[in-house]
Amino acid sequence: MSVARVTGGGGLVPLSTNEMLVRIASAAILAALTLAAAWFGGWVAAVAVSVVVVVVHLEWIGLTGDRLAPALVATVMLVASFALLAAGHAWLAAGLTGLAVAVAAVSARELWRPAGVAYSAILGLGVLLLRDAPEHGLAAILVIFAVVWGTDSGAFFAGRTIGGPKLWPAVSPKKTWAGAIGGLATGVIAGLVVAALARVPVAPGLALVCALLSVAGQAGDLFESAIKRRFGAKDSGMIVPGHGGLMDRVDGLVFAVAAAVIVGLLHGGPSHLAAGLLRW
């Protein structure tokens, strides 16, 4: 199997065995920690999500060249909103999050600061709202993870095995249509398998939801690629060995979680968020 990385000129060069092992080890550790936090839920998930969101927001600040001190005010407010949510005060958490976005917008000359707060908030609040849902909360999070991770893996291997026309070369020169389709198929299958293992009825509606989450995840990946290209960056950071920044690892998850919350609200309402996502 030939595995490659992208050079500065957009070409592909083989990854060494050591580089590949580092990537696999980093991904495995992150996955294990993520699954453990999802399993326990509650305050454990809130603390884990807070750490992730703080890092992601710091990477956004560095990527967009924002000033650290004023931007960090919104970060503190987001962490406080996650604590409120873990304590069972969902509406207060939503209100504080909205206030954080408003404060960021008022204090900034450009939209990058409030956009970063909103981006980070979607990830944190979305994951916690779904996980803490009274019915199918854990299953919903695991299905989303399965779809996003399955999509990433399927796109990676299909894109490099099949190749072919580029998906959007102006934004991400390494992504292909074959990778996008392979990622979609793998993501849907992974999501349905996890749903079945979680004893959620597998129905055509759920397959369509998994397809939507996969497409949303790929859109999130392209969104972050566009931002990095806008600011001339290869990675969002260096915190994850072999992968770059943490934002590089959760870009697809942000959009997938947003799509999941919207579907859950429309189909099940606020009181049945996770069930509205999974039961069709």
Protein backbone atom coordinates (compact mmCIF):
# COMPACT_ATOMS: atom_id res chain seq x y z
CA MET A 1 0.00 0.00 0.00
CA SER A 2 1.36 3.36 -1.02
CA VAL A 3 0.58 6.18 1.40
CA ALA A 4 1.43 9.77 0.62
CA ARG A 5 1.50 13.24 2.02
CA VAL A 6 1.14 16.55 0.22
CA THR A 7 4.14 18.73 -0.48
CA GLY A 8 4.08 22.48 -0.61
CA GLY A 9 3.53 22.35 -4.38
CA GLY A 10 0.49 20.09 -4.05
CA GLY A 11 2.30 16.93 -5.15
CA LEU A 12 2.23 13.60 -3.33
CA VAL A 13 5.29 11.95 -1.83
CA PRO A 14 5.33 8.64 0.06
CA LEU A 15 5.06 8.72 3.83
CA SER A 16 7.85 6.89 5.63
CA THR A 17 7.01 3.94 7.86
CA ASN A 18 7.81 6.00 10.96
CA GLU A 19 5.56 8.85 9.83
CA MET A 20 2.72 6.45 9.17
CA LEU A 21 3.15 4.77 12.56
CA VAL A 22 3.09 8.16 14.29
CA ARG A 23 -0.13 9.07 12.46
CA ILE A 24 -1.77 5.77 13.38
CA ALA A 25 -0.67 5.97 17.03
CA SER A 26 -1.90 9.57 17.38
CA ALA A 27 -5.25 8.74 15.81
CA ALA A 28 -5.67 5.66 18.02
CA ILE A 29 -4.93 7.60 21.22
CA LEU A 30 -7.31 10.41 20.27
CA ALA A 31 -10.02 7.91 19.37
CA ALA A 32 -9.60 6.03 22.66
CA LEU A 33 -9.81 9.23 24.73
CA THR A 34 -12.80 10.45 22.72
CA LEU A 35 -14.70 7.19 23.13
CA ALA A 36 -13.95 7.07 26.85
CA ALA A 37 -15.33 10.59 27.36
CA ALA A 38 -18.40 9.74 25.28
CA TRP A 39 -18.97 6.55 27.27
CA PHE A 40 -18.96 8.28 30.67
CA GLY A 41 -20.85 11.40 29.53
CA GLY A 42 -21.87 14.00 32.11
CA TRP A 43 -19.07 16.00 33.68
CA VAL A 44 -16.37 13.77 32.17
CA ALA A 45 -17.62 14.59 28.68
CA ALA A 46 -18.00 18.27 29.62
CA VAL A 47 -14.37 18.49 30.80
CA ALA A 48 -13.10 16.65 27.71
CA VAL A 49 -15.15 18.83 25.38
CA SER A 50 -13.94 21.97 27.17
CA VAL A 51 -10.31 20.99 26.64
CA VAL A 52 -10.91 20.26 22.96
CA VAL A 53 -12.83 23.49 22.39
CA VAL A 54 -10.20 25.60 24.16
CA VAL A 55 -7.46 24.11 21.96
CA VAL A 56 -9.53 24.45 18.78
CA HIS A 57 -10.37 28.07 19.58
CA LEU A 58 -6.74 28.88 20.35
CA GLU A 59 -5.76 27.34 17.01
CA TRP A 60 -8.42 29.41 15.26
CA ILE A 61 -7.06 32.56 16.94
CA GLY A 62 -3.53 31.73 15.83
CA LEU A 63 -4.63 30.75 12.32
CA THR A 64 -6.59 33.95 11.69
CA GLY A 65 -4.02 36.22 13.34
CA ASP A 66 -6.42 37.51 15.98
CA ARG A 67 -5.27 39.11 19.23
CA LEU A 68 -5.12 36.55 22.03
CA ALA A 69 -6.33 38.50 25.08
CA PRO A 70 -9.69 39.80 23.79
CA ALA A 71 -10.44 36.54 21.98
CA LEU A 72 -9.82 34.51 25.15
CA VAL A 73 -12.73 36.26 26.90
CA ALA A 74 -15.09 34.35 24.63
CA THR A 75 -13.19 31.11 25.29
CA VAL A 76 -13.77 31.46 29.03
CA MET A 77 -17.46 32.15 28.42
CA LEU A 78 -17.74 29.02 26.28
CA VAL A 79 -16.21 26.84 28.99
CA ALA A 80 -18.66 28.34 31.49
CA SER A 81 -21.53 27.53 29.14
CA PHE A 82 -20.41 23.89 28.94
CA ALA A 83 -20.39 23.73 32.75
CA LEU A 84 -23.92 25.12 32.83
CA LEU A 85 -25.02 22.52 30.31
CA ALA A 86 -23.44 19.69 32.31
CA ALA A 87 -25.28 21.00 35.38
CA GLY A 88 -28.58 20.74 33.53
CA HIS A 89 -29.11 24.40 32.60
CA ALA A 90 -29.39 24.09 28.82
CA TRP A 91 -31.14 27.42 28.20
CA LEU A 92 -28.66 29.34 30.34
CA ALA A 93 -25.84 27.62 28.46
CA ALA A 94 -27.37 28.62 25.12
CA GLY A 95 -27.82 32.20 26.32
CA LEU A 96 -24.23 32.49 27.53
CA THR A 97 -22.98 31.06 24.25
CA GLY A 98 -24.98 33.63 22.30
CA LEU A 99 -23.56 36.35 24.54
CA ALA A 100 -20.02 35.07 23.86
CA VAL A 101 -20.58 35.34 20.11
CA ALA A 102 -22.05 38.84 20.56
CA VAL A 103 -19.13 39.99 22.72
CA ALA A 104 -16.68 38.66 20.13
CA ALA A 105 -18.53 40.45 17.34
CA VAL A 106 -18.63 43.78 19.18
CA SER A 107 -14.96 43.64 20.20
CA ALA A 108 -13.61 42.71 16.76
CA ARG A 109 -13.16 44.66 13.55
CA GLU A 110 -13.59 41.57 11.38
CA LEU A 111 -15.92 38.58 11.44
CA TRP A 112 -13.17 36.03 12.08
CA ARG A 113 -13.38 36.39 15.87
CA PRO A 114 -17.15 35.77 16.26
CA ALA A 115 -16.94 33.10 13.55
CA GLY A 116 -14.31 31.28 15.60
CA VAL A 117 -16.46 31.46 18.73
CA ALA A 118 -19.48 30.13 16.85
CA TYR A 119 -17.39 27.38 15.24
CA SER A 120 -16.05 26.24 18.62
CA ALA A 121 -19.46 26.53 20.29
CA ILE A 122 -21.15 24.36 17.67
CA LEU A 123 -18.69 21.58 18.39
CA GLY A 124 -18.94 21.79 22.18
CA LEU A 125 -22.64 22.42 22.68
CA GLY A 126 -23.66 20.05 19.90
CA VAL A 127 -21.71 17.11 21.30
CA LEU A 128 -22.90 17.70 24.88
CA LEU A 129 -26.54 18.25 23.91
CA LEU A 130 -26.62 15.01 21.94
CA ARG A 131 -24.68 12.98 24.51
CA ASP A 132 -26.82 14.17 27.41
CA ALA A 133 -30.09 13.48 25.60
CA PRO A 134 -32.23 11.15 27.77
CA GLU A 135 -32.79 8.60 24.99
CA HIS A 136 -30.10 7.25 22.63
CA GLY A 137 -27.58 9.91 23.68
CA LEU A 138 -24.55 7.64 23.64
CA ALA A 139 -25.71 5.87 20.48
CA ALA A 140 -26.13 9.20 18.67
CA ILE A 141 -22.59 10.31 19.48
CA LEU A 142 -21.11 6.94 18.51
CA VAL A 143 -22.98 6.93 15.20
CA ILE A 144 -21.72 10.44 14.41
CA PHE A 145 -18.15 9.43 15.26
CA ALA A 146 -18.48 6.30 13.13
CA VAL A 147 -19.76 8.26 10.13
CA VAL A 148 -17.10 10.98 10.37
CA TRP A 149 -14.20 8.60 11.01
CA GLY A 150 -15.45 6.15 8.40
CA THR A 151 -15.76 8.97 5.89
CA ASP A 152 -12.22 10.19 6.59
CA SER A 153 -10.75 6.70 6.25
CA GLY A 154 -12.77 5.79 3.17
CA ALA A 155 -11.92 9.06 1.44
CA PHE A 156 -8.22 8.67 2.28
CA PHE A 157 -7.87 5.19 0.83
CA ALA A 158 -10.29 5.54 -2.08
CA GLY A 159 -8.73 8.81 -3.15
CA ARG A 160 -5.23 7.38 -3.20
CA THR A 161 -6.15 4.02 -4.64
CA ILE A 162 -8.46 5.22 -7.41
CA GLY A 163 -7.35 8.81 -7.96
CA GLY A 164 -9.09 10.62 -10.80
CA PRO A 165 -10.62 14.10 -11.09
CA LYS A 166 -10.09 16.54 -8.24
CA LEU A 167 -13.03 17.51 -6.06
CA TRP A 168 -12.13 21.18 -5.51
CA PRO A 169 -8.47 21.80 -6.41
CA ALA A 170 -8.62 25.52 -5.65
CA VAL A 171 -9.34 24.72 -1.99
CA SER A 172 -7.88 21.25 -1.40
CA PRO A 173 -5.66 19.94 -4.23
CA LYS A 174 -5.40 16.39 -2.85
CA LYS A 175 -9.13 15.56 -2.59
CA THR A 176 -10.76 13.66 -5.44
CA TRP A 177 -14.30 12.74 -6.42
CA ALA A 178 -13.38 9.09 -5.94
CA GLY A 179 -12.32 9.88 -2.38
CA ALA A 180 -15.53 11.79 -1.70
CA ILE A 181 -17.71 8.95 -2.99
CA GLY A 182 -15.63 6.29 -1.24
CA GLY A 183 -15.81 8.28 1.99
CA LEU A 184 -19.58 8.65 1.66
CA ALA A 185 -20.09 4.92 1.17
CA THR A 186 -17.75 3.98 4.03
CA GLY A 187 -19.26 6.56 6.36
CA VAL A 188 -22.82 5.36 5.77
CA ILE A 189 -21.87 1.72 6.28
CA ALA A 190 -19.93 2.52 9.46
CA GLY A 191 -22.79 4.57 10.86
CA LEU A 192 -25.37 1.86 10.18
CA VAL A 193 -23.17 -0.85 11.68
CA VAL A 194 -22.68 1.12 14.90
CA ALA A 195 -26.41 1.91 15.02
CA ALA A 196 -27.24 -1.78 14.70
CA LEU A 197 -24.75 -2.68 17.44
CA ALA A 198 -26.38 -0.01 19.64
CA ARG A 199 -29.76 -1.68 18.96
CA VAL A 200 -31.12 1.24 17.01
CA PRO A 201 -33.53 0.11 14.24
CA VAL A 202 -31.76 0.39 10.88
CA ALA A 203 -34.13 2.06 8.44
CA PRO A 204 -33.84 3.87 5.09
CA GLY A 205 -34.32 7.16 6.91
CA LEU A 206 -31.31 6.46 9.12
CA ALA A 207 -29.22 5.62 6.05
CA LEU A 208 -30.15 9.00 4.58
CA VAL A 209 -29.20 10.68 7.85
CA CYS A 210 -25.81 8.94 7.81
CA ALA A 211 -25.32 10.11 4.21
CA LEU A 212 -26.16 13.67 5.26
CA LEU A 213 -23.69 13.51 8.15
CA SER A 214 -20.99 12.18 5.82
CA VAL A 215 -21.53 14.98 3.31
CA ALA A 216 -21.57 17.53 6.15
CA GLY A 217 -18.31 16.12 7.49
CA GLN A 218 -16.65 16.45 4.10
CA ALA A 219 -17.99 19.99 3.81
CA GLY A 220 -16.42 20.77 7.18
CA ASP A 221 -13.09 19.44 5.95
CA LEU A 222 -13.27 21.66 2.86
CA PHE A 223 -14.31 24.64 4.98
CA GLU A 224 -11.22 24.35 7.14
CA SER A 225 -9.04 23.83 4.06
CA ALA A 226 -10.42 27.06 2.62
CA ILE A 227 -9.60 28.95 5.82
CA LYS A 228 -6.06 27.58 5.91
CA ARG A 229 -5.57 28.50 2.26
CA ARG A 230 -6.95 31.99 2.98
CA PHE A 231 -4.29 32.52 5.66
CA GLY A 232 -1.51 30.58 3.95
CA ALA A 233 -1.25 27.80 6.54
CA LYS A 234 -0.63 24.10 5.97
CA ASP A 235 -1.96 22.96 9.37
CA SER A 236 -3.97 24.63 12.13
CA GLY A 237 -1.30 23.71 14.70
CA MET A 238 1.20 21.07 15.80
CA ILE A 239 -0.43 19.54 18.87
CA VAL A 240 -1.26 16.18 17.24
CA PRO A 241 1.89 14.33 16.07
CA GLY A 242 1.63 13.35 12.42
CA HIS A 243 -1.66 15.20 11.89
CA GLY A 244 -1.10 18.88 12.69
CA GLY A 245 -3.56 20.72 14.89
CA LEU A 246 -6.57 19.47 16.78
CA MET A 247 -8.74 21.61 14.54
CA ASP A 248 -7.45 19.52 11.62
CA ARG A 249 -8.89 16.43 13.33
CA VAL A 250 -12.33 17.79 14.26
CA ASP A 251 -13.13 19.92 11.20
CA GLY A 252 -15.51 17.34 9.77
CA LEU A 253 -17.01 16.63 13.19
CA VAL A 254 -18.05 20.27 13.66
CA PHE A 255 -20.24 20.30 10.57
CA ALA A 256 -21.53 16.77 11.16
CA VAL A 257 -22.57 17.64 14.72
CA ALA A 258 -24.31 20.79 13.48
CA ALA A 259 -26.23 18.75 10.91
CA ALA A 260 -27.10 16.13 13.53
CA VAL A 261 -28.50 18.73 15.94
CA ILE A 262 -30.61 20.31 13.19
CA VAL A 263 -32.02 16.92 12.12
CA GLY A 264 -32.67 15.93 15.73
CA LEU A 265 -34.49 19.19 16.46
CA LEU A 266 -36.63 19.05 13.32
CA HIS A 267 -37.54 15.39 13.71
CA GLY A 268 -37.68 14.93 17.47
CA GLY A 269 -37.72 18.34 19.07
CA PRO A 270 -35.50 19.61 21.93
CA SER A 271 -36.68 16.89 24.34
CA HIS A 272 -35.87 14.02 21.95
CA LEU A 273 -32.79 15.33 20.20
CA ALA A 274 -30.84 12.08 19.87
CA ALA A 275 -33.93 9.94 19.25
CA GLY A 276 -35.03 12.37 16.55
CA LEU A 277 -31.68 11.85 14.86
CA LEU A 278 -31.64 8.05 14.98
CA ARG A 279 -35.18 6.65 15.04
CA TRP A 280 -36.99 6.65 11.67
